[in-house]
Amino acid sequence: MFALSADRRRVFAWALYDWANSAYATVVLAGFFPLFFKDYWAAELSATDSTFWLGAANSASSLLIVLLAPIVGAIADRSGRRKRYLLGFALLGMVATATLWFIGAGQWGAAAAAFALATVGFMGANVFYDALLPEVAPAGEGDRVSAFGFALGYLGGGLLFAGCVASALWPERFGFTGTDQAVRFAFLLTAVWWAVFSIPLLRGVRETPRAVKAGTAVREGLRQLLATLRAVTRHRNAALFLLAYWLYIDGVDTVVRMAVDYGRAIGFDANDLIVALLIVQFVGFPATLVFGRLARPLGARGGIFLALGVYALVTVWASRMDAAWEFYAMAVVIGLVQGGVQALSRSLFARLVPPGRAGEFFGFYNMMGKFAAVIGPVLVGTVGWLAGDPRAGILSLLVLFGAGAALLWFVEDPGEAGESPSLG
């Protein structure tokens, strides 16, 4: 893919972290945890109560990252130790995920707490993983490198999820006493997978640490954060993009987090929902690579516009569907664009970041994405509750996709214009 073998090794080591942590996103966050929480840990609660506590765990973890991401990003930039912070958050996520294996039936409070901590670790580590993109991508290859990472994530997460689904469907063949034990083991296996495939990034991606004491790094990091707040408001492209990204990624993340709940709400079987998630993973792998190449003729903005148009059509379709085959077909369509919009957003923003400030700027980038994870599900749930119909709730996503696309129209891509990022 790249001219120099050293570049290929560094990029592959970086991208393997997407393979590693996507196991959590697929097996835990979007897959088994929402179903298992309701049917196993919180079976004694009413459906509305269990949904409330699951939403509270999601919102609490997202809000914490909203507060932490810009601060720790700025501190990591001053110390030049992004990998150290990535490892710290990742270890939190791995340990909390593994803890789910030990939590028994009915212990919904402990399960919700472990899930919230695991999600904090997952999202926090991504701040520093994303911030390493400008360090590892050869000049002019940011779109393809970002897409390659997401594509590996879809493949790795999909492979592990497929194995976990098989063990849950036929537990005796895998040596488990039942589905409950198989699913709990899937959480433990996810933590191990995450740990093992994080090693290449930790060993193969090098940084140049700065000789700054911890207390000094904190003070300078906080000062840098205040400077970043001022810089973002002065940097028109970055500010516009962050607002656009906040709106449209709100819709994308809501689709990821609420798809299982929405499918259950309109009467689809749990097995159909799990199969649909698998379809998204395996379609997403080649489709994300294709999107990385589409960025050349279309530009990153053009690729994002294409994906948002598809999401808008899918939203209307979802509000009208009533058969399981439609859910499968929709999974294919979402798989074609989901990784692409994420990958091109990351690489476009990387071109808007001033040199040497990737950690703090990506802290804001992740903050906007995680803040969307707080607002989006609430919007869908509130509109659906007021209308008395979950189909009305899903249609509310059209506002987010449309407003995000409208703001993105005014963002200039330095890669298209031949410019370099600056603060002016």
Protein backbone atom coordinates (compact mmCIF):
# COMPACT_ATOMS: atom_id res chain seq x y z
CA MET A 1 0.00 0.00 0.00
CA PHE A 2 2.85 2.39 0.79
CA ALA A 3 6.24 2.98 -0.80
CA LEU A 4 8.50 2.28 2.19
CA SER A 5 8.49 -0.96 4.15
CA ALA A 6 9.07 1.00 7.37
CA ASP A 7 5.91 2.98 6.65
CA ARG A 8 3.95 -0.21 6.04
CA ARG A 9 5.09 -1.75 9.33
CA ARG A 10 4.25 1.38 11.31
CA VAL A 11 0.85 1.78 9.68
CA PHE A 12 -0.01 -1.90 10.17
CA ALA A 13 1.03 -1.76 13.84
CA TRP A 14 -1.15 1.32 14.34
CA ALA A 15 -4.13 -0.13 12.45
CA LEU A 16 -4.05 -3.38 14.43
CA TYR A 17 -5.28 -1.44 17.44
CA ASP A 18 -8.53 -0.93 15.51
CA TRP A 19 -8.64 -4.71 15.08
CA ALA A 20 -8.06 -5.01 18.84
CA ASN A 21 -10.55 -2.57 20.31
CA SER A 22 -13.29 -3.13 17.73
CA ALA A 23 -13.90 -6.41 19.52
CA TYR A 24 -15.29 -4.36 22.40
CA ALA A 25 -17.37 -2.15 20.12
CA THR A 26 -18.89 -5.16 18.36
CA VAL A 27 -19.16 -7.93 20.95
CA VAL A 28 -19.93 -5.79 24.00
CA LEU A 29 -21.13 -2.27 23.14
CA ALA A 30 -23.40 -2.98 20.17
CA GLY A 31 -23.87 -6.73 20.47
CA PHE A 32 -24.25 -8.87 23.56
CA PHE A 33 -24.29 -6.40 26.42
CA PRO A 34 -27.61 -4.63 25.64
CA LEU A 35 -29.41 -7.97 25.21
CA PHE A 36 -27.67 -9.75 28.10
CA PHE A 37 -28.16 -6.85 30.49
CA LYS A 38 -31.93 -6.89 29.95
CA ASP A 39 -32.38 -10.69 29.89
CA TYR A 40 -29.79 -11.85 32.47
CA TRP A 41 -28.44 -9.21 34.84
CA ALA A 42 -31.58 -7.04 34.99
CA ALA A 43 -34.23 -9.69 34.35
CA GLU A 44 -35.92 -8.80 37.65
CA LEU A 45 -36.45 -5.19 36.54
CA SER A 46 -39.20 -3.97 34.27
CA ALA A 47 -38.31 -3.34 30.63
CA THR A 48 -38.44 0.43 31.12
CA ASP A 49 -36.27 0.31 34.25
CA SER A 50 -33.59 -1.83 32.63
CA THR A 51 -33.56 0.46 29.59
CA PHE A 52 -33.18 3.47 31.88
CA TRP A 53 -30.17 2.03 33.71
CA LEU A 54 -28.54 0.89 30.48
CA GLY A 55 -28.99 4.39 29.08
CA ALA A 56 -27.63 5.89 32.29
CA ALA A 57 -24.46 3.77 32.05
CA ASN A 58 -23.97 4.85 28.43
CA SER A 59 -24.58 8.51 29.19
CA ALA A 60 -22.37 8.56 32.31
CA SER A 61 -19.39 7.11 30.46
CA SER A 62 -19.88 9.47 27.53
CA LEU A 63 -20.18 12.53 29.76
CA LEU A 64 -16.99 11.61 31.60
CA ILE A 65 -15.09 11.37 28.33
CA VAL A 66 -16.58 14.69 27.21
CA LEU A 67 -14.97 16.27 30.28
CA LEU A 68 -11.67 14.37 30.18
CA ALA A 69 -10.81 14.09 26.49
CA PRO A 70 -9.63 17.64 25.74
CA ILE A 71 -7.71 17.91 29.03
CA VAL A 72 -5.80 14.64 28.84
CA GLY A 73 -5.23 15.18 25.12
CA ALA A 74 -3.54 18.50 25.80
CA ILE A 75 -1.42 16.99 28.60
CA ALA A 76 -0.34 14.10 26.37
CA ASP A 77 0.72 16.57 23.67
CA ARG A 78 2.93 18.46 26.12
CA SER A 79 4.60 15.28 27.39
CA GLY A 80 4.79 13.55 23.99
CA ARG A 81 3.48 10.34 25.57
CA ARG A 82 0.22 9.58 23.81
CA LYS A 83 0.88 5.84 23.91
CA ARG A 84 1.20 5.91 27.70
CA TYR A 85 -2.24 7.50 28.07
CA LEU A 86 -3.68 5.17 25.45
CA LEU A 87 -2.37 2.19 27.43
CA GLY A 88 -3.81 3.52 30.69
CA PHE A 89 -7.32 3.94 29.32
CA ALA A 90 -7.13 0.67 27.38
CA LEU A 91 -6.13 -1.25 30.52
CA LEU A 92 -9.13 0.22 32.34
CA GLY A 93 -11.35 -0.97 29.50
CA MET A 94 -9.82 -4.44 29.35
CA VAL A 95 -10.03 -5.07 33.11
CA ALA A 96 -13.61 -3.79 33.35
CA THR A 97 -14.65 -5.91 30.37
CA ALA A 98 -13.07 -9.02 31.87
CA THR A 99 -14.90 -8.30 35.13
CA LEU A 100 -18.23 -8.97 33.38
CA TRP A 101 -17.31 -12.69 33.36
CA PHE A 102 -17.49 -12.76 37.17
CA ILE A 103 -20.82 -10.92 37.58
CA GLY A 104 -23.73 -13.25 38.24
CA ALA A 105 -27.41 -13.16 37.32
CA GLY A 106 -29.40 -10.35 38.91
CA GLN A 107 -26.36 -8.17 39.69
CA TRP A 108 -27.42 -5.44 37.30
CA GLY A 109 -25.81 -2.62 39.29
CA ALA A 110 -22.37 -4.19 39.15
CA ALA A 111 -22.82 -5.03 35.48
CA ALA A 112 -23.84 -1.45 34.62
CA ALA A 113 -20.87 -0.04 36.56
CA ALA A 114 -18.38 -2.39 34.89
CA PHE A 115 -19.85 -1.57 31.49
CA ALA A 116 -19.59 2.17 32.13
CA LEU A 117 -15.93 1.87 33.17
CA ALA A 118 -15.13 -0.33 30.19
CA THR A 119 -16.72 2.20 27.86
CA VAL A 120 -14.71 5.04 29.43
CA GLY A 121 -11.55 3.02 28.80
CA PHE A 122 -12.57 2.23 25.24
CA MET A 123 -13.46 5.81 24.31
CA GLY A 124 -10.58 7.39 26.24
CA ALA A 125 -7.97 5.24 24.52
CA ASN A 126 -9.43 6.22 21.16
CA VAL A 127 -8.54 9.87 21.83
CA PHE A 128 -4.86 8.98 21.72
CA TYR A 129 -5.18 6.34 19.02
CA ASP A 130 -6.75 8.90 16.69
CA ALA A 131 -4.13 11.49 17.67
CA LEU A 132 -1.38 9.13 16.48
CA LEU A 133 -2.77 9.13 12.91
CA PRO A 134 -0.77 12.19 11.75
CA GLU A 135 2.37 10.53 13.18
CA VAL A 136 2.04 7.25 11.27
CA ALA A 137 0.39 8.21 7.96
CA PRO A 138 2.78 9.00 5.10
CA ALA A 139 2.21 12.36 3.42
CA GLY A 140 -0.95 12.36 1.34
CA GLU A 141 -2.09 8.94 2.62
CA GLY A 142 -4.18 9.97 5.62
CA ASP A 143 -7.50 8.98 4.04
CA ARG A 144 -6.29 5.52 3.07
CA VAL A 145 -4.53 4.88 6.37
CA SER A 146 -7.59 5.92 8.37
CA ALA A 147 -9.82 3.74 6.19
CA PHE A 148 -7.40 0.82 6.53
CA GLY A 149 -7.64 1.05 10.33
CA PHE A 150 -11.43 1.05 10.31
CA ALA A 151 -11.49 -1.79 7.78
CA LEU A 152 -9.27 -3.95 10.00
CA GLY A 153 -11.55 -3.07 12.89
CA TYR A 154 -14.60 -4.32 11.05
CA LEU A 155 -12.84 -7.54 10.08
CA GLY A 156 -11.34 -8.26 13.50
CA GLY A 157 -14.47 -7.34 15.43
CA GLY A 158 -16.60 -9.33 13.00
CA LEU A 159 -14.47 -12.46 13.24
CA LEU A 160 -14.52 -12.51 17.04
CA PHE A 161 -18.22 -11.66 17.12
CA ALA A 162 -18.98 -14.50 14.70
CA GLY A 163 -17.17 -16.97 16.96
CA CYS A 164 -18.96 -15.64 20.04
CA VAL A 165 -22.34 -15.83 18.32
CA ALA A 166 -21.67 -19.43 17.31
CA SER A 167 -20.76 -20.36 20.89
CA ALA A 168 -23.92 -18.65 22.19
CA LEU A 169 -26.14 -20.46 19.69
CA TRP A 170 -24.54 -23.91 20.22
CA PRO A 171 -22.91 -23.69 23.67
CA GLU A 172 -22.58 -27.44 24.24
CA ARG A 173 -20.43 -27.83 21.12
CA PHE A 174 -17.97 -25.31 22.58
CA GLY A 175 -17.87 -26.91 26.03
CA PHE A 176 -20.20 -24.46 27.80
CA THR A 177 -23.06 -25.45 30.07
CA GLY A 178 -25.44 -22.99 28.43
CA THR A 179 -25.86 -19.73 26.56
CA ASP A 180 -25.38 -17.65 29.70
CA GLN A 181 -21.92 -19.06 30.32
CA ALA A 182 -20.98 -18.70 26.63
CA VAL A 183 -21.92 -15.02 26.57
CA ARG A 184 -20.08 -14.27 29.81
CA PHE A 185 -17.01 -15.99 28.40
CA ALA A 186 -17.33 -13.80 25.29
CA PHE A 187 -16.76 -10.76 27.50
CA LEU A 188 -13.61 -12.32 28.97
CA LEU A 189 -12.36 -13.32 25.52
CA THR A 190 -12.94 -9.79 24.25
CA ALA A 191 -10.67 -8.38 26.96
CA VAL A 192 -7.91 -10.86 26.05
CA TRP A 193 -8.28 -10.12 22.33
CA TRP A 194 -8.10 -6.38 23.01
CA ALA A 195 -4.91 -6.83 25.06
CA VAL A 196 -3.05 -9.13 22.67
CA PHE A 197 -3.64 -7.09 19.53
CA SER A 198 -2.72 -3.82 21.25
CA ILE A 199 0.88 -5.01 21.57
CA PRO A 200 1.94 -4.16 17.96
CA LEU A 201 0.98 -0.50 18.40
CA LEU A 202 2.79 -0.24 21.73
CA ARG A 203 5.94 -1.79 20.25
CA GLY A 204 5.84 -0.64 16.63
CA VAL A 205 4.72 3.00 16.83
CA ARG A 206 7.38 5.23 18.34
CA GLU A 207 7.10 8.66 19.87
CA THR A 208 9.73 11.11 21.05
CA PRO A 209 8.96 11.80 24.73
CA ARG A 210 9.62 15.30 25.97
CA ALA A 211 11.58 15.91 29.16
CA VAL A 212 8.69 17.44 31.06
CA LYS A 213 7.83 16.64 34.69
CA ALA A 214 4.35 15.32 35.43
CA GLY A 215 3.21 18.44 37.31
CA THR A 216 4.63 20.72 34.64
CA ALA A 217 2.92 18.68 31.91
CA VAL A 218 -0.42 19.08 33.70
CA ARG A 219 -0.02 22.86 34.09
CA GLU A 220 1.21 23.34 30.55
CA GLY A 221 -1.47 20.99 29.26
CA LEU A 222 -4.22 22.99 30.92
CA ARG A 223 -2.80 26.24 29.58
CA GLN A 224 -2.60 24.64 26.16
CA LEU A 225 -6.24 23.54 26.48
CA LEU A 226 -7.33 27.15 27.06
CA ALA A 227 -5.24 28.18 24.08
CA THR A 228 -6.90 25.43 22.04
CA LEU A 229 -10.35 26.72 22.94
CA ARG A 230 -9.33 30.12 21.59
CA ALA A 231 -7.62 28.56 18.57
CA VAL A 232 -10.61 26.45 17.60
CA THR A 233 -12.86 29.50 17.62
CA ARG A 234 -10.36 31.32 15.38
CA HIS A 235 -9.78 28.37 13.08
CA ARG A 236 -12.87 28.52 10.88
CA ASN A 237 -12.44 25.13 9.18
CA ALA A 238 -11.84 23.24 12.40
CA ALA A 239 -14.72 24.94 14.21
CA LEU A 240 -17.19 24.37 11.37
CA PHE A 241 -16.10 20.79 10.95
CA LEU A 242 -16.46 20.01 14.66
CA LEU A 243 -20.01 21.38 14.67
CA ALA A 244 -20.90 19.45 11.51
CA TYR A 245 -19.27 16.29 12.85
CA TRP A 246 -21.11 16.59 16.17
CA LEU A 247 -24.44 16.65 14.35
CA TYR A 248 -23.98 13.92 11.76
CA ILE A 249 -21.94 11.54 13.91
CA ASP A 250 -24.72 11.89 16.48
CA GLY A 251 -26.96 10.20 13.93
CA VAL A 252 -24.38 7.56 13.03
CA ASP A 253 -23.65 6.65 16.66
CA THR A 254 -27.34 6.54 17.49
CA VAL A 255 -27.89 4.01 14.72
CA VAL A 256 -25.06 1.88 16.17
CA ARG A 257 -26.29 2.06 19.78
CA MET A 258 -30.04 1.95 19.24
CA ALA A 259 -30.37 -0.54 16.37
CA VAL A 260 -30.89 -3.54 18.67
CA ASP A 261 -33.39 -1.69 20.89
CA TYR A 262 -35.27 -0.38 17.87
CA GLY A 263 -35.44 -3.81 16.28
CA ARG A 264 -36.77 -5.32 19.50
CA ALA A 265 -39.28 -2.48 19.88
CA ILE A 266 -40.87 -3.16 16.50
CA GLY A 267 -40.99 -6.90 17.12
CA PHE A 268 -37.92 -8.50 15.53
CA ASP A 269 -36.34 -11.62 17.05
CA ALA A 270 -33.06 -11.24 18.96
CA ASN A 271 -31.32 -13.76 16.67
CA ASP A 272 -32.26 -11.67 13.63
CA LEU A 273 -30.68 -8.62 15.25
CA ILE A 274 -27.43 -10.44 16.04
CA VAL A 275 -27.17 -11.76 12.48
CA ALA A 276 -27.74 -8.24 11.15
CA LEU A 277 -24.85 -6.94 13.29
CA LEU A 278 -22.62 -9.62 11.81
CA ILE A 279 -23.62 -8.55 8.33
CA VAL A 280 -22.61 -4.95 9.08
CA GLN A 281 -19.16 -6.10 10.21
CA PHE A 282 -18.32 -8.23 7.20
CA VAL A 283 -19.75 -5.83 4.63
CA GLY A 284 -17.98 -2.98 6.41
CA PHE A 285 -14.49 -4.45 5.91
CA PRO A 286 -14.23 -4.23 2.10
CA ALA A 287 -16.59 -1.24 1.89
CA THR A 288 -14.38 0.87 4.17
CA LEU A 289 -11.34 0.13 2.01
CA VAL A 290 -13.32 1.20 -1.05
CA PHE A 291 -14.31 4.44 0.67
CA GLY A 292 -10.65 5.14 1.34
CA ARG A 293 -10.06 5.02 -2.41
CA LEU A 294 -13.19 7.05 -3.19
CA ALA A 295 -11.60 9.94 -1.33
CA ARG A 296 -9.23 10.46 -4.25
CA PRO A 297 -11.80 11.29 -6.97
CA LEU A 298 -14.55 12.56 -4.65
CA GLY A 299 -12.47 14.11 -1.88
CA ALA A 300 -13.04 13.35 1.80
CA ARG A 301 -16.00 15.74 1.94
CA GLY A 302 -17.57 14.17 -1.14
CA GLY A 303 -17.29 10.72 0.40
CA ILE A 304 -18.89 11.94 3.64
CA PHE A 305 -21.74 13.60 1.73
CA LEU A 306 -22.37 10.32 -0.11
CA ALA A 307 -22.51 8.40 3.16
CA LEU A 308 -24.86 10.91 4.80
CA GLY A 309 -27.21 10.71 1.85
CA VAL A 310 -27.34 6.94 2.26
CA TYR A 311 -28.00 7.30 6.00
CA ALA A 312 -30.91 9.67 5.30
CA LEU A 313 -32.49 7.16 2.92
CA VAL A 314 -31.95 4.33 5.41
CA THR A 315 -33.62 6.37 8.16
CA VAL A 316 -36.78 6.79 6.08
CA TRP A 317 -36.67 3.10 5.16
CA ALA A 318 -36.26 2.06 8.83
CA SER A 319 -39.35 4.03 9.81
CA ARG A 320 -41.44 1.96 7.39
CA MET A 321 -39.96 -1.54 7.53
CA ASP A 322 -41.92 -4.47 8.96
CA ALA A 323 -40.07 -7.63 7.85
CA ALA A 324 -36.85 -9.27 9.06
CA TRP A 325 -35.41 -9.44 5.54
CA GLU A 326 -35.58 -5.63 5.41
CA PHE A 327 -33.48 -5.44 8.57
CA TYR A 328 -30.88 -7.68 6.90
CA ALA A 329 -30.91 -5.59 3.73
CA MET A 330 -30.55 -2.43 5.78
CA ALA A 331 -27.57 -3.97 7.57
CA VAL A 332 -25.87 -4.44 4.19
CA VAL A 333 -26.51 -0.82 3.22
CA ILE A 334 -25.27 0.53 6.55
CA GLY A 335 -22.18 -1.67 6.31
CA LEU A 336 -21.37 -0.04 2.97
CA VAL A 337 -21.08 3.46 4.47
CA GLN A 338 -20.61 3.26 8.24
CA GLY A 339 -16.86 2.71 8.26
CA GLY A 340 -16.39 5.14 5.38
CA VAL A 341 -17.99 8.11 7.10
CA GLN A 342 -15.97 7.43 10.26
CA ALA A 343 -12.67 6.95 8.44
CA LEU A 344 -13.00 9.98 6.16
CA SER A 345 -14.13 12.18 9.05
CA ARG A 346 -11.02 11.25 11.01
CA SER A 347 -8.63 11.80 8.13
CA LEU A 348 -10.28 15.09 7.08
CA PHE A 349 -9.99 16.45 10.60
CA ALA A 350 -6.35 15.33 10.78
CA ARG A 351 -5.65 17.72 7.86
CA LEU A 352 -7.34 20.56 9.74
CA VAL A 353 -5.20 20.10 12.88
CA PRO A 354 -2.27 22.50 13.32
CA PRO A 355 1.09 20.67 13.56
CA GLY A 356 2.05 19.51 17.05
CA ARG A 357 -1.45 19.83 18.51
CA ALA A 358 -3.04 16.56 17.38
CA GLY A 359 -3.76 15.26 20.88
CA GLU A 360 -5.69 18.27 22.12
CA PHE A 361 -7.53 18.83 18.82
CA PHE A 362 -8.46 15.17 18.63
CA GLY A 363 -9.55 15.49 22.23
CA PHE A 364 -12.16 17.97 21.03
CA TYR A 365 -12.94 15.75 18.07
CA ASN A 366 -13.64 12.80 20.34
CA MET A 367 -15.47 15.04 22.78
CA MET A 368 -17.93 16.07 20.06
CA GLY A 369 -18.44 12.45 19.03
CA LYS A 370 -19.02 11.27 22.59
CA PHE A 371 -21.34 14.19 23.36
CA ALA A 372 -23.39 13.00 20.39
CA ALA A 373 -23.63 9.59 22.06
CA VAL A 374 -25.31 11.35 24.99
CA ILE A 375 -27.84 13.38 22.97
CA GLY A 376 -28.76 11.10 20.06
CA PRO A 377 -30.41 8.22 21.93
CA VAL A 378 -32.28 10.72 24.13
CA LEU A 379 -33.63 12.48 21.04
CA VAL A 380 -34.84 9.26 19.45
CA GLY A 381 -36.34 8.02 22.72
CA THR A 382 -38.07 11.30 23.55
CA VAL A 383 -39.60 11.78 20.10
CA GLY A 384 -40.72 8.16 20.05
CA TRP A 385 -42.23 8.48 23.55
CA LEU A 386 -44.07 11.71 22.72
CA ALA A 387 -45.42 10.24 19.50
CA GLY A 388 -46.15 6.87 21.07
CA ASP A 389 -44.30 5.20 18.18
CA PRO A 390 -40.59 4.27 17.93
CA ARG A 391 -40.79 4.77 14.17
CA ALA A 392 -41.31 8.49 14.70
CA GLY A 393 -38.25 8.54 16.95
CA ILE A 394 -35.99 7.06 14.30
CA LEU A 395 -37.15 9.70 11.79
CA SER A 396 -35.77 12.43 14.06
CA LEU A 397 -32.30 11.43 12.88
CA LEU A 398 -33.00 13.16 9.56
CA VAL A 399 -32.57 16.50 11.34
CA LEU A 400 -29.07 15.51 12.49
CA PHE A 401 -27.90 14.18 9.13
CA GLY A 402 -29.31 17.18 7.27
CA ALA A 403 -27.91 19.84 9.61
CA GLY A 404 -24.51 18.14 9.71
CA ALA A 405 -24.31 18.00 5.92
CA ALA A 406 -25.33 21.66 5.64
CA LEU A 407 -22.47 22.79 7.91
CA LEU A 408 -19.99 20.46 6.24
CA TRP A 409 -20.71 22.21 2.93
CA PHE A 410 -18.85 25.29 4.24
CA VAL A 411 -15.75 23.36 5.41
CA GLU A 412 -12.73 23.64 3.12
CA ASP A 413 -10.54 20.54 2.78
CA PRO A 414 -6.84 21.53 2.75
CA GLY A 415 -6.14 18.36 0.79
CA GLU A 416 -8.40 19.58 -2.01
CA ALA A 417 -7.29 23.19 -1.88
CA GLY A 418 -3.57 22.43 -1.54
CA GLU A 419 -3.38 24.26 1.78
CA SER A 420 -1.77 23.32 5.07
CA PRO A 421 -3.47 23.57 8.47
CA SER A 422 -2.95 26.79 10.33
CA LEU A 423 -4.47 28.76 13.16
CA GLY A 424 -5.44 31.74 11.04
